[in-house]
Amino acid sequence: QVQLVESGGGLVEPGGSLRLSCAASGSFSRITAMGWYRQGPGKQRDVVAVIISDGRTNYADSVKGRFTISRDNAKNTQYLEMNSLKPEDTAVYYCKAEVTRAGMPLRYNYWGQGTQVTVSS
C-alpha cells in the first residue's frame, strides 16, 4: 500500500498563486513517475502535469507557462506551483504516483485523496 499526502489547496483570487505538495510513503521500491490531475464540476479527470524520474516533464496546453511541476526525490515528494490562476482552474486536484516494487517488473498507480482549488474574486 502506498499513501499520498497532499497539501496546499485553498481559495485564491484570479491572478494569484498556490503551491501544492504531495508526499509518498509506504511499500514501494521506486517512484517512476508522478503527476497532477484535476476534475472540475461536471467534467472528466484530466492530466495537468507529469514528471518522470529522469526529470522530463509534460503539461496540459491550458496550463503551459503558468504551472510548474517539480520533484524532490530524496523526500519522495512532488510539487505543483500554480501562477496566474484563472477561474477555470477551479477543480479538485489529485496527486498520482507510479511505483515499482522490489524484484517486480510491474508498475502500480496510486492516487491521493484530492485537494480543492477554488479561484474566485
Protein backbone atom coordinates (compact mmCIF):
# COMPACT_ATOMS: atom_id res chain seq x y z
CA GLN A 1 0.00 0.00 0.00
CA VAL A 2 1.17 3.49 -0.90
CA GLN A 3 -0.07 6.65 0.77
CA LEU A 4 -0.04 10.06 -0.87
CA VAL A 5 -0.43 13.07 1.42
CA GLU A 6 -1.42 16.32 -0.30
CA SER A 7 -1.43 19.89 0.95
CA GLY A 8 -1.65 23.44 -0.35
CA GLY A 9 -5.15 23.71 -1.78
CA GLY A 10 -7.50 26.54 -0.94
CA LEU A 11 -9.22 29.69 -2.13
CA VAL A 12 -7.32 32.25 -4.18
CA GLU A 13 -8.25 35.32 -6.23
CA PRO A 14 -7.76 35.39 -10.01
CA GLY A 15 -4.15 36.14 -10.85
CA GLY A 16 -2.95 34.68 -7.57
CA SER A 17 -0.72 31.72 -6.85
CA LEU A 18 -0.81 28.45 -4.95
CA ARG A 19 1.74 25.71 -4.35
CA LEU A 20 0.56 22.12 -3.96
CA SER A 21 2.68 19.35 -2.49
CA CYS A 22 2.33 15.57 -2.38
CA ALA A 23 4.49 13.21 -0.31
CA ALA A 24 4.54 9.47 -0.96
CA SER A 25 5.13 6.80 1.66
CA GLY A 26 4.51 3.08 2.10
CA SER A 27 5.61 -0.11 0.38
CA PHE A 28 7.40 0.55 -2.89
CA SER A 29 10.87 0.29 -4.39
CA ARG A 30 10.93 3.30 -6.67
CA ILE A 31 8.66 6.06 -7.88
CA THR A 32 8.96 6.02 -11.65
CA ALA A 33 6.63 8.94 -12.33
CA MET A 34 4.44 11.43 -10.50
CA GLY A 35 1.78 13.81 -11.71
CA TRP A 36 -1.13 16.08 -11.01
CA TYR A 37 -4.64 15.66 -12.37
CA ARG A 38 -7.75 17.75 -11.89
CA GLN A 39 -11.50 17.35 -12.15
CA GLY A 40 -13.79 20.36 -12.41
CA PRO A 41 -17.53 20.31 -11.68
CA GLY A 42 -19.30 18.02 -14.15
CA LYS A 43 -16.07 17.28 -16.02
CA GLN A 44 -13.77 14.31 -16.50
CA ARG A 45 -10.49 13.99 -14.66
CA ASP A 46 -7.71 15.34 -16.90
CA VAL A 47 -3.95 15.41 -16.64
CA VAL A 48 -2.40 18.72 -15.57
CA ALA A 49 1.30 17.88 -15.46
CA VAL A 50 3.57 14.86 -15.10
CA ILE A 51 7.22 14.43 -14.17
CA ILE A 52 9.29 11.34 -14.91
CA SER A 53 12.11 10.02 -12.72
CA ASP A 54 14.71 11.36 -15.18
CA GLY A 55 13.28 14.86 -14.81
CA ARG A 56 11.29 15.14 -18.03
CA THR A 57 8.00 16.99 -17.70
CA ASN A 58 4.82 17.40 -19.70
CA TYR A 59 1.98 19.89 -19.27
CA ALA A 60 -1.57 20.29 -20.46
CA ASP A 61 -1.86 23.10 -23.01
CA SER A 62 -4.19 25.02 -20.72
CA VAL A 63 -1.53 25.42 -18.01
CA LYS A 64 1.68 25.79 -20.01
CA GLY A 65 3.62 28.86 -18.95
CA ARG A 66 1.61 29.20 -15.73
CA PHE A 67 2.16 25.94 -13.80
CA THR A 68 5.45 24.26 -12.90
CA ILE A 69 5.83 20.69 -11.67
CA SER A 70 8.91 19.65 -9.71
CA ARG A 71 10.11 16.69 -7.66
CA ASP A 72 12.30 16.10 -4.62
CA ASN A 73 13.45 12.50 -4.98
CA ALA A 74 15.03 12.38 -1.51
CA LYS A 75 11.66 13.19 0.05
CA ASN A 76 9.52 11.23 -2.45
CA THR A 77 7.59 14.46 -2.89
CA GLN A 78 6.27 16.37 -5.87
CA TYR A 79 5.11 19.96 -6.11
CA LEU A 80 2.89 21.99 -8.38
CA GLU A 81 3.45 25.74 -8.44
CA MET A 82 0.41 27.45 -9.92
CA ASN A 83 0.69 31.07 -11.03
CA SER A 84 -1.66 33.48 -12.80
CA LEU A 85 -4.61 31.38 -11.69
CA LYS A 86 -7.90 31.68 -13.56
CA PRO A 87 -11.47 30.80 -12.52
CA GLU A 88 -11.39 27.92 -14.99
CA ASP A 89 -8.58 26.37 -12.94
CA THR A 90 -11.12 25.68 -10.20
CA ALA A 91 -11.16 21.92 -9.61
CA VAL A 92 -10.25 19.12 -7.28
CA TYR A 93 -6.57 18.40 -7.82
CA TYR A 94 -5.30 14.85 -7.41
CA CYS A 95 -1.76 13.61 -6.88
CA LYS A 96 -0.75 10.42 -8.71
CA ALA A 97 2.33 8.25 -8.25
CA GLU A 98 3.51 5.36 -10.40
CA VAL A 99 5.67 2.95 -8.39
CA THR A 100 7.55 -0.32 -8.71
CA ARG A 101 8.19 -2.97 -6.07
CA ALA A 102 11.47 -4.79 -5.43
CA GLY A 103 12.13 -7.53 -7.96
CA MET A 104 8.93 -6.83 -9.86
CA PRO A 105 8.60 -5.53 -13.43
CA LEU A 106 5.05 -4.27 -12.98
CA ARG A 107 4.15 -0.69 -12.23
CA TYR A 108 1.29 0.40 -10.00
CA ASN A 109 -0.65 3.66 -9.84
CA TYR A 110 -1.79 5.26 -6.60
CA TRP A 111 -3.89 8.36 -6.02
CA GLY A 112 -4.12 10.95 -3.30
CA GLN A 113 -7.41 12.00 -1.75
CA GLY A 114 -7.63 15.21 -3.75
CA THR A 115 -7.48 18.82 -2.66
CA GLN A 116 -9.87 21.61 -3.65
CA VAL A 117 -8.54 24.63 -5.51
CA THR A 118 -11.03 27.47 -5.95
CA VAL A 119 -10.18 30.58 -7.96
CA SER A 120 -12.74 33.32 -7.35
CA SER A 121 -12.96 37.01 -6.50
